Amino acid sequence: MSQPVDKPTGRLWDGTTVAEAEMPRGVPRPRILDVLEWRAGEHRYRAEHRLLPVGITWWR
């Protein structure tokens, strides 16, 4: 994801990591393994590395 540096971060930016921390572990969903954030010029970027639960086949 990306956005201009002057735009404040919020739910769209942090929502997946907040949800990961607040949802019960028993709920099947992709797990966040790592988050990488960086800035280049006037934009900030965020990449999330995820692991799908075993048996989940959303991309058939």
C-alpha atoms as a PDB file:
ATOM      1  CA  MET A   1       0.000   0.000   0.000  1.00  0.00           C
ATOM      2  CA  SER A   2       1.165   3.561  -0.456  1.00  0.00           C
ATOM      3  CA  GLN A   3       0.066   7.060   0.408  1.00  0.00           C
ATOM      4  CA  PRO A   4       1.471  10.588   0.399  1.00  0.00           C
ATOM      5  CA  VAL A   5       3.711  11.382   3.366  1.00  0.00           C
ATOM      6  CA  ASP A   6       1.573  14.385   4.340  1.00  0.00           C
ATOM      7  CA  LYS A   7      -1.588  12.233   4.693  1.00  0.00           C
ATOM      8  CA  PRO A   8      -2.074  11.016   8.284  1.00  0.00           C
ATOM      9  CA  THR A   9      -1.988   7.273   8.901  1.00  0.00           C
ATOM     10  CA  GLY A  10      -5.037   5.648  10.444  1.00  0.00           C
ATOM     11  CA  ARG A  11      -7.423   2.733  10.102  1.00  0.00           C
ATOM     12  CA  LEU A  12      -6.595   1.998   6.456  1.00  0.00           C
ATOM     13  CA  TRP A  13      -2.859   2.077   7.171  1.00  0.00           C
ATOM     14  CA  ASP A  14      -2.800   0.200  10.507  1.00  0.00           C
ATOM     15  CA  GLY A  15      -6.074  -1.731  10.341  1.00  0.00           C
ATOM     16  CA  THR A  16      -4.661  -5.141   9.419  1.00  0.00           C
ATOM     17  CA  THR A  17      -2.058  -5.180  12.192  1.00  0.00           C
ATOM     18  CA  VAL A  18      -4.615  -3.948  14.744  1.00  0.00           C
ATOM     19  CA  ALA A  19      -7.081  -6.642  13.637  1.00  0.00           C
ATOM     20  CA  GLU A  20      -4.347  -9.290  13.861  1.00  0.00           C
ATOM     21  CA  ALA A  21      -3.671  -8.326  17.476  1.00  0.00           C
ATOM     22  CA  GLU A  22      -7.320  -8.038  18.547  1.00  0.00           C
ATOM     23  CA  MET A  23      -8.983 -11.030  16.850  1.00  0.00           C
ATOM     24  CA  PRO A  24      -8.955 -14.398  18.623  1.00  0.00           C
ATOM     25  CA  ARG A  25      -6.205 -16.726  17.353  1.00  0.00           C
ATOM     26  CA  GLY A  26      -8.829 -19.376  16.550  1.00  0.00           C
ATOM     27  CA  VAL A  27     -10.344 -17.288  13.735  1.00  0.00           C
ATOM     28  CA  PRO A  28      -8.904 -18.580  10.439  1.00  0.00           C
ATOM     29  CA  ARG A  29      -7.281 -15.784   8.450  1.00  0.00           C
ATOM     30  CA  PRO A  30      -3.956 -14.946   6.860  1.00  0.00           C
ATOM     31  CA  ARG A  31      -1.376 -14.355   9.610  1.00  0.00           C
ATOM     32  CA  ILE A  32       0.925 -11.356   9.379  1.00  0.00           C
ATOM     33  CA  LEU A  33       4.522 -12.576   9.524  1.00  0.00           C
ATOM     34  CA  ASP A  34       6.284  -9.280   8.936  1.00  0.00           C
ATOM     35  CA  VAL A  35       5.590  -5.648   8.056  1.00  0.00           C
ATOM     36  CA  LEU A  36       8.012  -3.460   6.130  1.00  0.00           C
ATOM     37  CA  GLU A  37       7.526   0.297   5.855  1.00  0.00           C
ATOM     38  CA  TRP A  38       9.651   2.751   3.910  1.00  0.00           C
ATOM     39  CA  ARG A  39       9.571   6.203   2.419  1.00  0.00           C
ATOM     40  CA  ALA A  40      10.654   7.352  -1.019  1.00  0.00           C
ATOM     41  CA  GLY A  41      10.271  10.982  -1.925  1.00  0.00           C
ATOM     42  CA  GLU A  42       6.805  12.234  -1.049  1.00  0.00           C
ATOM     43  CA  HIS A  43       5.233   8.786  -0.496  1.00  0.00           C
ATOM     44  CA  ARG A  44       5.356   6.149   2.228  1.00  0.00           C
ATOM     45  CA  TYR A  45       4.946   2.469   1.452  1.00  0.00           C
ATOM     46  CA  ARG A  46       3.942  -0.589   3.468  1.00  0.00           C
ATOM     47  CA  ALA A  47       4.251  -4.257   2.602  1.00  0.00           C
ATOM     48  CA  GLU A  48       2.799  -7.073   4.705  1.00  0.00           C
ATOM     49  CA  HIS A  49       4.122 -10.614   4.447  1.00  0.00           C
ATOM     50  CA  ARG A  50       1.306 -13.044   5.234  1.00  0.00           C
ATOM     51  CA  LEU A  51       0.858 -16.780   5.705  1.00  0.00           C
ATOM     52  CA  LEU A  52      -2.450 -18.410   4.725  1.00  0.00           C
ATOM     53  CA  PRO A  53      -3.958 -20.932   7.138  1.00  0.00           C
ATOM     54  CA  VAL A  54      -3.656 -24.557   6.036  1.00  0.00           C
ATOM     55  CA  GLY A  55      -6.611 -25.638   3.907  1.00  0.00           C
ATOM     56  CA  ILE A  56      -7.707 -22.142   2.913  1.00  0.00           C
ATOM     57  CA  THR A  57      -7.988 -21.906  -0.880  1.00  0.00           C
ATOM     58  CA  TRP A  58      -9.333 -18.470  -1.702  1.00  0.00           C
ATOM     59  CA  TRP A  59      -7.576 -18.236  -5.066  1.00  0.00           C
ATOM     60  CA  ARG A  60      -9.129 -21.108  -6.994  1.00  0.00           C
END
